[in-house]
Amino acid sequence: MNPRDAVARITIGVLYQKHGNYQVAKEMYEDAIKIDDTLSEPHYNLGVVYLYEGRNESALDELAKARRLSPDDAGIRHKLGQAKVALERYDEALKDFNEAVLLDPEYTPAYLEKARLFYSLRRYAEAAALCRTALANAPKTDVTGVAKTTRGNRLLDKILPTGEEEEPVRTWRAEAAYDLALCLKAQ
């Protein structure tokens, strides 16, 4: 790896983060920031790791830096909202969730996170309405299958690993429908 390649460090950090090695991931992101402090991605990723670790103030700081560098990114607004919910700054979190969906009306995670906040505040009708909005604005195409590498023989495919991880496919429509059912039951 080129020692001055910030993007390579970010990519390696993402791989470590994906496998749960947050310490090395954080080091990669911090190195990327030292190399090129104009990139929002290492700040965003560092903020996400801090959220996982429960370091909400640090997450808020990094995500705010990412927002300054990429003001039109709905994902950054969504994570900022999550950090503010963790800090019990609910009005500010709602503002970030609203900005996320204004930037990208199909950004379903922001609708759902806002609905969860309303649900936790026992505002069930508003939470249900948001779940309905999430269903209406969810991306029209959900990934239902992932192409896999095969050796042409099912027996060999079962015995020899392909190097690909088996992750359940997340569909926002299903999650929104489930959350809506919870809200309706709570009413």
C-alpha atoms as a PDB file:
ATOM      1  CA  MET A   1       0.000   0.000   0.000  1.00  0.00           C
ATOM      2  CA  ASN A   2       1.213   3.470  -0.829  1.00  0.00           C
ATOM      3  CA  PRO A   3       1.875   5.129   2.550  1.00  0.00           C
ATOM      4  CA  ARG A   4       0.326   8.376   1.263  1.00  0.00           C
ATOM      5  CA  ASP A   5      -2.886   6.794  -0.079  1.00  0.00           C
ATOM      6  CA  ALA A   6      -5.735   7.883   2.199  1.00  0.00           C
ATOM      7  CA  VAL A   7      -8.396   6.021   0.215  1.00  0.00           C
ATOM      8  CA  ALA A   8      -6.513   2.735   0.561  1.00  0.00           C
ATOM      9  CA  ARG A   9      -6.347   3.243   4.326  1.00  0.00           C
ATOM     10  CA  ILE A  10     -10.086   3.912   4.429  1.00  0.00           C
ATOM     11  CA  THR A  11     -10.773   0.747   2.425  1.00  0.00           C
ATOM     12  CA  ILE A  12      -8.600  -1.358   4.725  1.00  0.00           C
ATOM     13  CA  GLY A  13     -10.251   0.271   7.744  1.00  0.00           C
ATOM     14  CA  VAL A  14     -13.685  -0.709   6.427  1.00  0.00           C
ATOM     15  CA  LEU A  15     -12.544  -4.322   6.105  1.00  0.00           C
ATOM     16  CA  TYR A  16     -11.274  -4.366   9.685  1.00  0.00           C
ATOM     17  CA  GLN A  17     -14.442  -2.651  10.899  1.00  0.00           C
ATOM     18  CA  LYS A  18     -16.617  -5.168   9.083  1.00  0.00           C
ATOM     19  CA  HIS A  19     -14.820  -7.984  10.918  1.00  0.00           C
ATOM     20  CA  GLY A  20     -15.146  -6.287  14.312  1.00  0.00           C
ATOM     21  CA  ASN A  21     -11.545  -5.128  14.721  1.00  0.00           C
ATOM     22  CA  TYR A  22     -12.432  -1.548  15.620  1.00  0.00           C
ATOM     23  CA  GLN A  23      -9.030  -0.619  16.999  1.00  0.00           C
ATOM     24  CA  VAL A  24      -7.191  -1.232  13.720  1.00  0.00           C
ATOM     25  CA  ALA A  25     -10.075   0.323  11.776  1.00  0.00           C
ATOM     26  CA  LYS A  26      -9.831   3.489  13.875  1.00  0.00           C
ATOM     27  CA  GLU A  27      -6.073   3.636  13.302  1.00  0.00           C
ATOM     28  CA  MET A  28      -6.612   3.365   9.539  1.00  0.00           C
ATOM     29  CA  TYR A  29      -9.224   6.142   9.586  1.00  0.00           C
ATOM     30  CA  GLU A  30      -7.044   8.395  11.737  1.00  0.00           C
ATOM     31  CA  ASP A  31      -4.114   7.823   9.364  1.00  0.00           C
ATOM     32  CA  ALA A  32      -6.360   8.672   6.402  1.00  0.00           C
ATOM     33  CA  ILE A  33      -7.398  11.920   8.106  1.00  0.00           C
ATOM     34  CA  LYS A  34      -3.741  12.828   8.688  1.00  0.00           C
ATOM     35  CA  ILE A  35      -3.003  12.218   5.007  1.00  0.00           C
ATOM     36  CA  ASP A  36      -6.048  14.035   3.591  1.00  0.00           C
ATOM     37  CA  ASP A  37      -8.324  15.929   5.976  1.00  0.00           C
ATOM     38  CA  THR A  38     -10.683  16.954   3.147  1.00  0.00           C
ATOM     39  CA  LEU A  39     -12.264  13.489   2.901  1.00  0.00           C
ATOM     40  CA  SER A  40     -15.526  13.000   4.768  1.00  0.00           C
ATOM     41  CA  GLU A  41     -15.495   9.201   4.700  1.00  0.00           C
ATOM     42  CA  PRO A  42     -12.850   8.585   7.387  1.00  0.00           C
ATOM     43  CA  HIS A  43     -14.629  11.020   9.729  1.00  0.00           C
ATOM     44  CA  TYR A  44     -17.949   9.294   9.015  1.00  0.00           C
ATOM     45  CA  ASN A  45     -16.509   5.813   9.546  1.00  0.00           C
ATOM     46  CA  LEU A  46     -14.729   6.882  12.708  1.00  0.00           C
ATOM     47  CA  GLY A  47     -18.011   8.334  13.972  1.00  0.00           C
ATOM     48  CA  VAL A  48     -19.810   5.063  13.253  1.00  0.00           C
ATOM     49  CA  VAL A  49     -17.172   3.098  15.177  1.00  0.00           C
ATOM     50  CA  TYR A  50     -17.523   5.504  18.089  1.00  0.00           C
ATOM     51  CA  LEU A  51     -21.299   4.916  18.015  1.00  0.00           C
ATOM     52  CA  TYR A  52     -20.683   1.152  18.212  1.00  0.00           C
ATOM     53  CA  GLU A  53     -18.401   1.729  21.175  1.00  0.00           C
ATOM     54  CA  GLY A  54     -20.880   3.991  22.953  1.00  0.00           C
ATOM     55  CA  ARG A  55     -18.589   7.010  22.697  1.00  0.00           C
ATOM     56  CA  ASN A  56     -21.430   9.266  21.593  1.00  0.00           C
ATOM     57  CA  GLU A  57     -19.751  12.675  22.098  1.00  0.00           C
ATOM     58  CA  SER A  58     -16.749  11.558  20.029  1.00  0.00           C
ATOM     59  CA  ALA A  59     -19.114  10.146  17.400  1.00  0.00           C
ATOM     60  CA  LEU A  60     -20.944  13.459  17.272  1.00  0.00           C
ATOM     61  CA  ASP A  61     -17.674  15.366  16.772  1.00  0.00           C
ATOM     62  CA  GLU A  62     -16.496  13.133  13.914  1.00  0.00           C
ATOM     63  CA  LEU A  63     -19.904  13.054  12.221  1.00  0.00           C
ATOM     64  CA  ALA A  64     -20.143  16.857  12.431  1.00  0.00           C
ATOM     65  CA  LYS A  65     -16.781  17.068  10.641  1.00  0.00           C
ATOM     66  CA  ALA A  66     -18.060  14.666   7.989  1.00  0.00           C
ATOM     67  CA  ARG A  67     -21.210  16.788   7.536  1.00  0.00           C
ATOM     68  CA  ARG A  68     -19.118  19.926   6.981  1.00  0.00           C
ATOM     69  CA  LEU A  69     -17.146  18.108   4.284  1.00  0.00           C
ATOM     70  CA  SER A  70     -20.191  16.441   2.642  1.00  0.00           C
ATOM     71  CA  PRO A  71     -23.258  18.552   3.458  1.00  0.00           C
ATOM     72  CA  ASP A  72     -25.532  16.700   1.016  1.00  0.00           C
ATOM     73  CA  ASP A  73     -25.039  13.190   2.415  1.00  0.00           C
ATOM     74  CA  ALA A  74     -28.227  11.777   3.944  1.00  0.00           C
ATOM     75  CA  GLY A  75     -26.328   8.946   5.627  1.00  0.00           C
ATOM     76  CA  ILE A  76     -24.232  11.373   7.628  1.00  0.00           C
ATOM     77  CA  ARG A  77     -27.381  13.183   8.832  1.00  0.00           C
ATOM     78  CA  HIS A  78     -28.904   9.851   9.813  1.00  0.00           C
ATOM     79  CA  LYS A  79     -25.881   8.855  11.920  1.00  0.00           C
ATOM     80  CA  LEU A  80     -25.769  12.335  13.473  1.00  0.00           C
ATOM     81  CA  GLY A  81     -29.372  11.802  14.515  1.00  0.00           C
ATOM     82  CA  GLN A  82     -28.488   8.449  16.058  1.00  0.00           C
ATOM     83  CA  ALA A  83     -25.658  10.033  18.057  1.00  0.00           C
ATOM     84  CA  LYS A  84     -27.997  12.753  19.295  1.00  0.00           C
ATOM     85  CA  VAL A  85     -30.634  10.206  20.302  1.00  0.00           C
ATOM     86  CA  ALA A  86     -27.972   8.386  22.327  1.00  0.00           C
ATOM     87  CA  LEU A  87     -27.191  11.707  24.030  1.00  0.00           C
ATOM     88  CA  GLU A  88     -30.941  12.288  24.611  1.00  0.00           C
ATOM     89  CA  ARG A  89     -30.957  15.391  22.429  1.00  0.00           C
ATOM     90  CA  TYR A  90     -34.187  14.381  20.757  1.00  0.00           C
ATOM     91  CA  ASP A  91     -35.185  17.670  19.101  1.00  0.00           C
ATOM     92  CA  GLU A  92     -31.792  17.932  17.418  1.00  0.00           C
ATOM     93  CA  ALA A  93     -31.985  14.288  16.360  1.00  0.00           C
ATOM     94  CA  LEU A  94     -35.404  14.844  14.763  1.00  0.00           C
ATOM     95  CA  LYS A  95     -33.959  17.768  12.832  1.00  0.00           C
ATOM     96  CA  ASP A  96     -31.150  15.559  11.487  1.00  0.00           C
ATOM     97  CA  PHE A  97     -33.563  12.770  10.506  1.00  0.00           C
ATOM     98  CA  ASN A  98     -35.778  15.325   8.737  1.00  0.00           C
ATOM     99  CA  GLU A  99     -32.778  16.740   6.867  1.00  0.00           C
ATOM    100  CA  ALA A 100     -31.737  13.217   5.837  1.00  0.00           C
ATOM    101  CA  VAL A 101     -35.099  12.498   4.211  1.00  0.00           C
ATOM    102  CA  LEU A 102     -35.164  15.925   2.579  1.00  0.00           C
ATOM    103  CA  LEU A 103     -31.804  15.162   0.996  1.00  0.00           C
ATOM    104  CA  ASP A 104     -32.929  11.683  -0.090  1.00  0.00           C
ATOM    105  CA  PRO A 105     -36.643  10.826   0.130  1.00  0.00           C
ATOM    106  CA  GLU A 106     -35.825   7.123  -0.408  1.00  0.00           C
ATOM    107  CA  TYR A 107     -33.398   7.000   2.529  1.00  0.00           C
ATOM    108  CA  THR A 108     -35.556   4.615   4.527  1.00  0.00           C
ATOM    109  CA  PRO A 109     -33.221   4.211   7.551  1.00  0.00           C
ATOM    110  CA  ALA A 110     -33.843   7.838   8.560  1.00  0.00           C
ATOM    111  CA  TYR A 111     -37.628   7.358   8.487  1.00  0.00           C
ATOM    112  CA  LEU A 112     -37.316   4.200  10.544  1.00  0.00           C
ATOM    113  CA  GLU A 113     -34.931   5.720  13.070  1.00  0.00           C
ATOM    114  CA  LYS A 114     -37.274   8.677  13.511  1.00  0.00           C
ATOM    115  CA  ALA A 115     -40.178   6.248  13.958  1.00  0.00           C
ATOM    116  CA  ARG A 116     -38.205   4.349  16.609  1.00  0.00           C
ATOM    117  CA  LEU A 117     -37.555   7.583  18.438  1.00  0.00           C
ATOM    118  CA  PHE A 118     -41.264   8.432  18.428  1.00  0.00           C
ATOM    119  CA  TYR A 119     -42.053   4.883  19.556  1.00  0.00           C
ATOM    120  CA  SER A 120     -39.628   5.200  22.487  1.00  0.00           C
ATOM    121  CA  LEU A 121     -41.319   8.473  23.408  1.00  0.00           C
ATOM    122  CA  ARG A 122     -44.692   6.663  23.296  1.00  0.00           C
ATOM    123  CA  ARG A 123     -45.854   8.720  20.331  1.00  0.00           C
ATOM    124  CA  TYR A 124     -47.226   5.608  18.633  1.00  0.00           C
ATOM    125  CA  ALA A 125     -49.511   7.239  16.059  1.00  0.00           C
ATOM    126  CA  GLU A 126     -46.684   9.402  14.734  1.00  0.00           C
ATOM    127  CA  ALA A 127     -44.357   6.387  14.698  1.00  0.00           C
ATOM    128  CA  ALA A 128     -46.915   4.385  12.712  1.00  0.00           C
ATOM    129  CA  ALA A 129     -47.335   7.225  10.224  1.00  0.00           C
ATOM    130  CA  LEU A 130     -43.570   7.348   9.731  1.00  0.00           C
ATOM    131  CA  CYS A 131     -43.441   3.601   9.151  1.00  0.00           C
ATOM    132  CA  ARG A 132     -46.115   4.008   6.472  1.00  0.00           C
ATOM    133  CA  THR A 133     -44.085   6.805   4.907  1.00  0.00           C
ATOM    134  CA  ALA A 134     -40.995   4.582   5.025  1.00  0.00           C
ATOM    135  CA  LEU A 135     -42.936   1.856   3.204  1.00  0.00           C
ATOM    136  CA  ALA A 136     -44.120   4.326   0.578  1.00  0.00           C
ATOM    137  CA  ASN A 137     -40.644   5.790   0.043  1.00  0.00           C
ATOM    138  CA  ALA A 138     -38.546   2.643   0.327  1.00  0.00           C
ATOM    139  CA  PRO A 139     -36.437   1.971  -2.742  1.00  0.00           C
ATOM    140  CA  LYS A 140     -38.575   0.256  -5.336  1.00  0.00           C
ATOM    141  CA  THR A 141     -36.053  -2.536  -5.794  1.00  0.00           C
ATOM    142  CA  ASP A 142     -34.791  -4.602  -2.903  1.00  0.00           C
ATOM    143  CA  VAL A 143     -31.882  -6.932  -3.333  1.00  0.00           C
ATOM    144  CA  THR A 144     -33.259 -10.419  -2.876  1.00  0.00           C
ATOM    145  CA  GLY A 145     -30.290 -12.521  -3.837  1.00  0.00           C
ATOM    146  CA  VAL A 146     -26.570 -12.266  -4.159  1.00  0.00           C
ATOM    147  CA  ALA A 147     -24.597 -13.925  -6.910  1.00  0.00           C
ATOM    148  CA  LYS A 148     -22.161 -16.402  -5.428  1.00  0.00           C
ATOM    149  CA  THR A 149     -18.967 -17.898  -6.669  1.00  0.00           C
ATOM    150  CA  THR A 150     -19.426 -21.566  -7.432  1.00  0.00           C
ATOM    151  CA  ARG A 151     -17.110 -24.381  -8.375  1.00  0.00           C
ATOM    152  CA  GLY A 152     -19.838 -26.011 -10.433  1.00  0.00           C
ATOM    153  CA  ASN A 153     -20.420 -28.734  -7.872  1.00  0.00           C
ATOM    154  CA  ARG A 154     -22.709 -28.297  -4.876  1.00  0.00           C
ATOM    155  CA  LEU A 155     -20.724 -30.755  -2.780  1.00  0.00           C
ATOM    156  CA  LEU A 156     -17.485 -28.818  -3.339  1.00  0.00           C
ATOM    157  CA  ASP A 157     -19.269 -25.533  -2.703  1.00  0.00           C
ATOM    158  CA  LYS A 158     -20.374 -26.823   0.714  1.00  0.00           C
ATOM    159  CA  ILE A 159     -16.959 -28.192   1.673  1.00  0.00           C
ATOM    160  CA  LEU A 160     -14.595 -25.532   0.320  1.00  0.00           C
ATOM    161  CA  PRO A 161     -15.235 -21.942   1.365  1.00  0.00           C
ATOM    162  CA  THR A 162     -15.513 -19.363  -1.395  1.00  0.00           C
ATOM    163  CA  GLY A 163     -14.217 -16.514   0.741  1.00  0.00           C
ATOM    164  CA  GLU A 164     -17.583 -14.800   0.581  1.00  0.00           C
ATOM    165  CA  GLU A 165     -19.500 -14.054   3.736  1.00  0.00           C
ATOM    166  CA  GLU A 166     -23.052 -15.233   4.107  1.00  0.00           C
ATOM    167  CA  GLU A 167     -24.989 -12.209   5.310  1.00  0.00           C
ATOM    168  CA  PRO A 168     -28.750 -12.033   5.475  1.00  0.00           C
ATOM    169  CA  VAL A 169     -30.146  -9.638   2.940  1.00  0.00           C
ATOM    170  CA  ARG A 170     -31.774  -6.660   4.621  1.00  0.00           C
ATOM    171  CA  THR A 171     -34.930  -5.344   3.042  1.00  0.00           C
ATOM    172  CA  TRP A 172     -36.136  -1.960   4.242  1.00  0.00           C
ATOM    173  CA  ARG A 173     -39.691  -2.760   3.257  1.00  0.00           C
ATOM    174  CA  ALA A 174     -39.776  -5.775   5.567  1.00  0.00           C
ATOM    175  CA  GLU A 175     -38.233  -3.805   8.419  1.00  0.00           C
ATOM    176  CA  ALA A 176     -40.688  -0.926   7.938  1.00  0.00           C
ATOM    177  CA  ALA A 177     -43.628  -3.344   7.870  1.00  0.00           C
ATOM    178  CA  TYR A 178     -42.421  -5.010  11.067  1.00  0.00           C
ATOM    179  CA  ASP A 179     -41.949  -1.670  12.826  1.00  0.00           C
ATOM    180  CA  LEU A 180     -45.408  -0.570  11.657  1.00  0.00           C
ATOM    181  CA  ALA A 181     -46.910  -3.711  13.158  1.00  0.00           C
ATOM    182  CA  LEU A 182     -45.223  -2.961  16.487  1.00  0.00           C
ATOM    183  CA  CYS A 183     -46.545   0.601  16.449  1.00  0.00           C
ATOM    184  CA  LEU A 184     -50.089  -0.513  15.642  1.00  0.00           C
ATOM    185  CA  LYS A 185     -49.991  -3.111  18.400  1.00  0.00           C
ATOM    186  CA  ALA A 186     -48.780  -0.495  20.905  1.00  0.00           C
ATOM    187  CA  GLN A 187     -51.620   1.900  20.089  1.00  0.00           C
END
